[in-house]
Amino acid sequence: MGRVRISIAVAAAVASAVVLGGRSLLTRQAAIARRRIGKPLGEISLNADRVWKKSLEGTPIELLLLGDSLAAGLGAEHRKETLGGRIAKAVAKRMLRPVRLRTAAVVGSESTALADQLDGLPDDYHADVAVIVVGGNDVTHMIPPWSAAGELEKAIIRMQERGTPVVVGTCPDLGTLQPVPQPLRTLLSRMSHRLALEQMKVAWRTGAVPVDLRQAVGPTFREQPDEMFSLDRFHPSAAGYRRTAEALVPAVEMALTNPALVPVG
């Protein structure tokens, strides 16, 4: 019995050492990633809010963007290259109507910030469609997926209560971030995938239109990082935003043309 107890104690000690060593490694790698990425783009995105394609006839479609730096367009050098600008232009061409863009998304936001973004909208504001892209900061800040997805669900329901259909761009694959060392990059990939799955469930449950960005754009970002990422190798470049917008636009058009997508009651 004495030998068994000693063996169990040794095994427990080894397991603890492995866990502590693993945490220490990931902590060091996170610090390395932060140094590599830095903040060369600052923390304020370009203001792309305006009416796009004014020359088209008809009342402008009201497009609202909520979420984090990806939704805000950080990394784009011109406002037409932001995610909102690209979606607005493409939707205007497809629908043959001008599009008025309003960006409530804020750089650095977690899913909990969606409530504040909605609170900041004018009481009389009504969007014809809302696009939410959020999740990356929830992953890097270790927010439980179920908690982040719960905040997303609240935001979707609030928009639907305003009569606005919602498109959800799920959390992108953070395993495409080259500045992040291994094995942390693989861990972030798994965590972002788990959050994306939870977001997908929320979208289907609430009647929002989900777009799996991991599947839709992840391979392109992984295979062409020099082209898809901006200066900090973390946020999308103009080409990266174009690819992301291309994945989202069909869902936006679907939400605009199918009123049944908006739950009643």
Protein backbone atom coordinates (compact mmCIF):
# COMPACT_ATOMS: atom_id res chain seq x y z
CA MET A 1 0.00 0.00 0.00
CA GLY A 2 2.87 2.33 0.82
CA ARG A 3 4.35 1.92 -2.67
CA VAL A 4 0.94 2.49 -4.25
CA ARG A 5 0.45 5.68 -2.28
CA ILE A 6 3.92 6.89 -3.25
CA SER A 7 3.23 6.09 -6.93
CA ILE A 8 -0.07 7.99 -6.80
CA ALA A 9 1.64 10.95 -5.13
CA VAL A 10 4.41 10.96 -7.73
CA ALA A 11 1.90 10.75 -10.59
CA ALA A 12 -0.09 13.62 -9.11
CA ALA A 13 3.08 15.70 -8.74
CA VAL A 14 4.08 15.00 -12.32
CA ALA A 15 0.59 15.90 -13.59
CA SER A 16 0.65 19.16 -11.63
CA ALA A 17 4.08 19.99 -13.01
CA VAL A 18 2.87 19.33 -16.56
CA VAL A 19 -0.20 21.55 -16.06
CA LEU A 20 1.83 24.36 -14.50
CA GLY A 21 4.49 24.02 -17.16
CA GLY A 22 1.86 24.13 -19.88
CA ARG A 23 0.26 27.25 -18.41
CA SER A 24 3.65 28.90 -18.11
CA LEU A 25 4.43 28.08 -21.75
CA LEU A 26 1.11 29.47 -22.98
CA THR A 27 1.56 32.61 -20.87
CA ARG A 28 5.00 33.19 -22.40
CA GLN A 29 3.67 32.57 -25.89
CA ALA A 30 0.80 34.99 -25.34
CA ALA A 31 3.32 37.66 -24.33
CA ILE A 32 5.35 36.92 -27.47
CA ALA A 33 2.23 37.25 -29.63
CA ARG A 34 1.33 40.59 -28.04
CA ARG A 35 4.82 41.94 -28.73
CA ARG A 36 4.78 40.72 -32.33
CA ILE A 37 1.34 42.16 -33.07
CA GLY A 38 1.60 45.41 -31.11
CA LYS A 39 -0.78 48.22 -32.05
CA PRO A 40 0.57 49.68 -35.29
CA LEU A 41 -3.01 50.36 -36.43
CA GLY A 42 -4.05 52.15 -33.26
CA GLU A 43 -7.44 51.48 -31.74
CA ILE A 44 -9.72 53.68 -33.82
CA SER A 45 -11.14 52.48 -37.13
CA LEU A 46 -12.03 54.63 -40.12
CA ASN A 47 -15.45 56.26 -40.15
CA ALA A 48 -17.25 54.70 -43.10
CA ASP A 49 -20.75 55.77 -42.07
CA ARG A 50 -22.48 57.44 -44.98
CA VAL A 51 -24.95 56.71 -47.75
CA TRP A 52 -23.29 54.45 -50.30
CA LYS A 53 -24.30 54.52 -53.98
CA LYS A 54 -26.36 57.72 -53.68
CA SER A 55 -26.95 57.74 -57.43
CA LEU A 56 -29.30 54.76 -57.14
CA GLU A 57 -33.01 55.42 -56.80
CA GLY A 58 -35.16 54.62 -53.79
CA THR A 59 -35.07 55.05 -50.04
CA PRO A 60 -31.69 54.00 -48.60
CA ILE A 61 -31.48 50.60 -46.96
CA GLU A 62 -30.44 51.01 -43.33
CA LEU A 63 -27.47 48.75 -42.57
CA LEU A 64 -26.17 48.39 -38.99
CA LEU A 65 -22.87 46.80 -37.99
CA LEU A 66 -22.27 45.59 -34.44
CA GLY A 67 -19.32 43.82 -32.89
CA ASP A 68 -15.55 44.14 -32.60
CA SER A 69 -12.64 45.49 -34.62
CA LEU A 70 -13.44 43.26 -37.58
CA ALA A 71 -16.95 44.71 -37.80
CA ALA A 72 -15.50 48.19 -37.28
CA GLY A 73 -13.03 47.70 -40.13
CA LEU A 74 -9.73 48.26 -38.30
CA GLY A 75 -6.87 47.64 -40.71
CA ALA A 76 -8.51 49.10 -43.79
CA GLU A 77 -6.70 52.11 -45.28
CA HIS A 78 -9.78 53.62 -46.94
CA ARG A 79 -13.38 53.66 -45.75
CA LYS A 80 -14.55 51.86 -48.87
CA GLU A 81 -12.27 48.98 -47.83
CA THR A 82 -13.83 48.52 -44.37
CA LEU A 83 -16.17 45.60 -43.82
CA GLY A 84 -19.14 47.96 -43.55
CA GLY A 85 -18.17 49.90 -46.64
CA ARG A 86 -17.71 46.77 -48.70
CA ILE A 87 -20.99 45.22 -47.57
CA ALA A 88 -22.87 48.48 -48.16
CA LYS A 89 -21.53 48.87 -51.70
CA ALA A 90 -22.21 45.25 -52.62
CA VAL A 91 -25.74 45.25 -51.18
CA ALA A 92 -26.55 48.50 -52.98
CA LYS A 93 -25.49 46.97 -56.30
CA ARG A 94 -27.49 43.80 -55.66
CA MET A 95 -30.63 45.54 -54.40
CA LEU A 96 -30.34 48.54 -56.77
CA ARG A 97 -30.89 50.92 -53.86
CA PRO A 98 -28.57 53.19 -51.88
CA VAL A 99 -27.43 51.89 -48.50
CA ARG A 100 -26.95 54.01 -45.39
CA LEU A 101 -24.31 52.47 -43.13
CA ARG A 102 -24.24 52.94 -39.37
CA THR A 103 -21.33 51.34 -37.50
CA ALA A 104 -21.87 50.78 -33.79
CA ALA A 105 -19.05 48.23 -33.59
CA VAL A 106 -16.13 49.20 -31.36
CA VAL A 107 -12.52 48.03 -31.56
CA GLY A 108 -11.63 45.64 -28.74
CA SER A 109 -15.20 44.67 -27.92
CA GLU A 110 -16.18 41.38 -26.36
CA SER A 111 -19.71 40.03 -26.74
CA THR A 112 -20.74 41.77 -23.51
CA ALA A 113 -20.24 45.11 -25.30
CA LEU A 114 -23.08 44.41 -27.72
CA ALA A 115 -25.58 45.63 -25.14
CA ASP A 116 -23.83 49.00 -24.84
CA GLN A 117 -23.61 49.30 -28.61
CA LEU A 118 -27.36 48.82 -28.87
CA ASP A 119 -28.00 51.20 -25.97
CA GLY A 120 -26.08 53.87 -27.88
CA LEU A 121 -28.46 53.81 -30.83
CA PRO A 122 -31.11 56.56 -31.08
CA ASP A 123 -34.51 55.50 -29.77
CA ASP A 124 -36.12 56.14 -33.14
CA TYR A 125 -33.44 54.34 -35.17
CA HIS A 126 -34.57 51.35 -37.22
CA ALA A 127 -32.20 49.19 -39.24
CA ASP A 128 -33.44 47.15 -42.18
CA VAL A 129 -30.74 44.59 -41.40
CA ALA A 130 -28.03 44.21 -38.77
CA VAL A 131 -24.73 42.38 -39.13
CA ILE A 132 -22.96 41.17 -36.00
CA VAL A 133 -19.35 39.99 -36.11
CA VAL A 134 -17.85 39.30 -32.69
CA GLY A 135 -15.96 36.65 -30.77
CA GLY A 136 -12.24 37.04 -31.29
CA ASN A 137 -11.73 39.03 -28.10
CA ASP A 138 -13.89 36.61 -26.15
CA VAL A 139 -11.47 33.86 -27.15
CA THR A 140 -8.27 35.75 -26.38
CA HIS A 141 -9.71 36.90 -23.04
CA MET A 142 -10.79 33.34 -22.17
CA ILE A 143 -14.51 34.13 -21.92
CA PRO A 144 -16.52 30.86 -21.69
CA PRO A 145 -18.17 30.15 -25.07
CA TRP A 146 -21.60 29.66 -23.51
CA SER A 147 -21.35 33.05 -21.82
CA ALA A 148 -20.27 34.89 -24.98
CA ALA A 149 -22.96 33.14 -27.01
CA GLY A 150 -25.54 34.15 -24.41
CA GLU A 151 -24.66 37.83 -24.86
CA LEU A 152 -24.96 37.40 -28.62
CA GLU A 153 -28.39 35.86 -28.21
CA LYS A 154 -29.57 38.81 -26.12
CA ALA A 155 -28.39 41.24 -28.80
CA ILE A 156 -30.11 39.30 -31.58
CA ILE A 157 -33.39 39.22 -29.70
CA ARG A 158 -33.22 42.96 -28.99
CA MET A 159 -32.72 43.70 -32.68
CA GLN A 160 -35.54 41.37 -33.67
CA GLU A 161 -37.84 43.10 -31.19
CA ARG A 162 -37.12 46.26 -33.21
CA GLY A 163 -38.23 44.36 -36.32
CA THR A 164 -34.68 44.02 -37.65
CA PRO A 165 -33.39 40.76 -39.19
CA VAL A 166 -29.88 39.81 -38.07
CA VAL A 167 -26.91 38.25 -39.84
CA VAL A 168 -24.25 36.68 -37.62
CA GLY A 169 -20.69 36.27 -38.82
CA THR A 170 -19.36 33.62 -36.44
CA CYS A 171 -15.97 33.85 -34.73
CA PRO A 172 -13.17 33.51 -37.30
CA ASP A 173 -10.46 30.86 -37.02
CA LEU A 174 -7.77 32.35 -34.78
CA GLY A 175 -5.50 29.51 -35.83
CA THR A 176 -4.71 31.56 -38.95
CA LEU A 177 -2.79 34.14 -36.88
CA GLN A 178 0.85 33.60 -37.85
CA PRO A 179 2.36 35.83 -35.11
CA VAL A 180 0.97 33.48 -32.45
CA PRO A 181 3.45 30.70 -31.63
CA GLN A 182 2.56 27.03 -31.36
CA PRO A 183 0.97 25.36 -29.46
CA LEU A 184 -0.99 28.48 -28.44
CA ARG A 185 -2.14 28.99 -32.02
CA THR A 186 -3.66 25.52 -32.14
CA LEU A 187 -5.37 26.12 -28.81
CA LEU A 188 -6.85 29.41 -30.06
CA SER A 189 -8.05 27.64 -33.19
CA ARG A 190 -9.91 25.06 -31.12
CA MET A 191 -11.35 27.68 -28.77
CA SER A 192 -12.54 29.89 -31.63
CA HIS A 193 -14.11 26.87 -33.30
CA ARG A 194 -16.00 26.01 -30.13
CA LEU A 195 -17.31 29.58 -29.80
CA ALA A 196 -18.31 29.63 -33.47
CA LEU A 197 -20.35 26.47 -32.94
CA GLU A 198 -22.14 28.06 -29.98
CA GLN A 199 -22.82 31.20 -32.01
CA MET A 200 -24.18 29.08 -34.84
CA LYS A 201 -26.59 27.36 -32.45
CA VAL A 202 -27.77 30.71 -31.13
CA ALA A 203 -28.35 32.03 -34.64
CA TRP A 204 -30.41 29.03 -35.70
CA ARG A 205 -32.36 29.06 -32.43
CA THR A 206 -33.29 32.73 -32.72
CA GLY A 207 -33.93 32.85 -36.44
CA ALA A 208 -30.85 34.92 -37.33
CA VAL A 209 -28.89 34.11 -40.50
CA PRO A 210 -25.51 32.58 -39.61
CA VAL A 211 -22.36 32.73 -41.74
CA ASP A 212 -19.57 30.35 -40.75
CA LEU A 213 -16.55 32.61 -41.28
CA ARG A 214 -14.17 29.85 -40.19
CA GLN A 215 -15.25 27.74 -43.13
CA ALA A 216 -16.02 30.56 -45.57
CA VAL A 217 -12.82 32.59 -45.27
CA GLY A 218 -10.53 30.66 -42.89
CA PRO A 219 -8.77 28.61 -45.60
CA THR A 220 -8.01 31.73 -47.66
CA PHE A 221 -6.54 33.55 -44.65
CA ARG A 222 -4.48 30.47 -43.78
CA GLU A 223 -3.14 29.99 -47.31
CA GLN A 224 -2.58 33.67 -48.17
CA PRO A 225 -1.65 35.42 -44.91
CA ASP A 226 0.53 38.06 -46.56
CA GLU A 227 -2.38 39.20 -48.71
CA MET A 228 -5.28 38.71 -46.29
CA PHE A 229 -3.80 40.34 -43.18
CA SER A 230 -2.91 43.97 -42.60
CA LEU A 231 0.25 45.47 -41.14
CA ASP A 232 -0.16 43.93 -37.69
CA ARG A 233 -0.81 40.44 -39.14
CA PHE A 234 -3.86 40.23 -36.87
CA HIS A 235 -6.58 42.32 -38.50
CA PRO A 236 -7.70 41.88 -42.12
CA SER A 237 -6.23 43.90 -44.95
CA ALA A 238 -8.32 45.46 -47.71
CA ALA A 239 -8.24 42.09 -49.48
CA GLY A 240 -9.17 40.32 -46.24
CA TYR A 241 -12.18 42.54 -45.73
CA ARG A 242 -13.22 42.05 -49.34
CA ARG A 243 -13.14 38.27 -48.88
CA THR A 244 -15.08 38.51 -45.59
CA ALA A 245 -17.69 40.82 -47.12
CA GLU A 246 -18.15 38.43 -50.03
CA ALA A 247 -19.03 35.71 -47.52
CA LEU A 248 -21.54 37.91 -45.66
CA VAL A 249 -23.32 39.75 -48.48
CA PRO A 250 -25.50 36.83 -49.70
CA ALA A 251 -26.78 36.37 -46.14
CA VAL A 252 -27.53 40.10 -45.86
CA GLU A 253 -29.47 40.00 -49.11
CA MET A 254 -31.36 36.94 -47.88
CA ALA A 255 -32.30 38.70 -44.66
CA LEU A 256 -33.52 41.75 -46.56
CA THR A 257 -35.63 39.83 -49.06
CA ASN A 258 -37.14 37.24 -46.71
CA PRO A 259 -39.27 38.88 -43.98
CA ALA A 260 -40.08 35.42 -42.61
CA LEU A 261 -36.59 35.33 -41.14
CA VAL A 262 -37.68 37.83 -38.49
CA PRO A 263 -39.51 35.98 -35.69
CA VAL A 264 -42.90 37.42 -34.76
CA GLY A 265 -43.95 37.77 -31.11
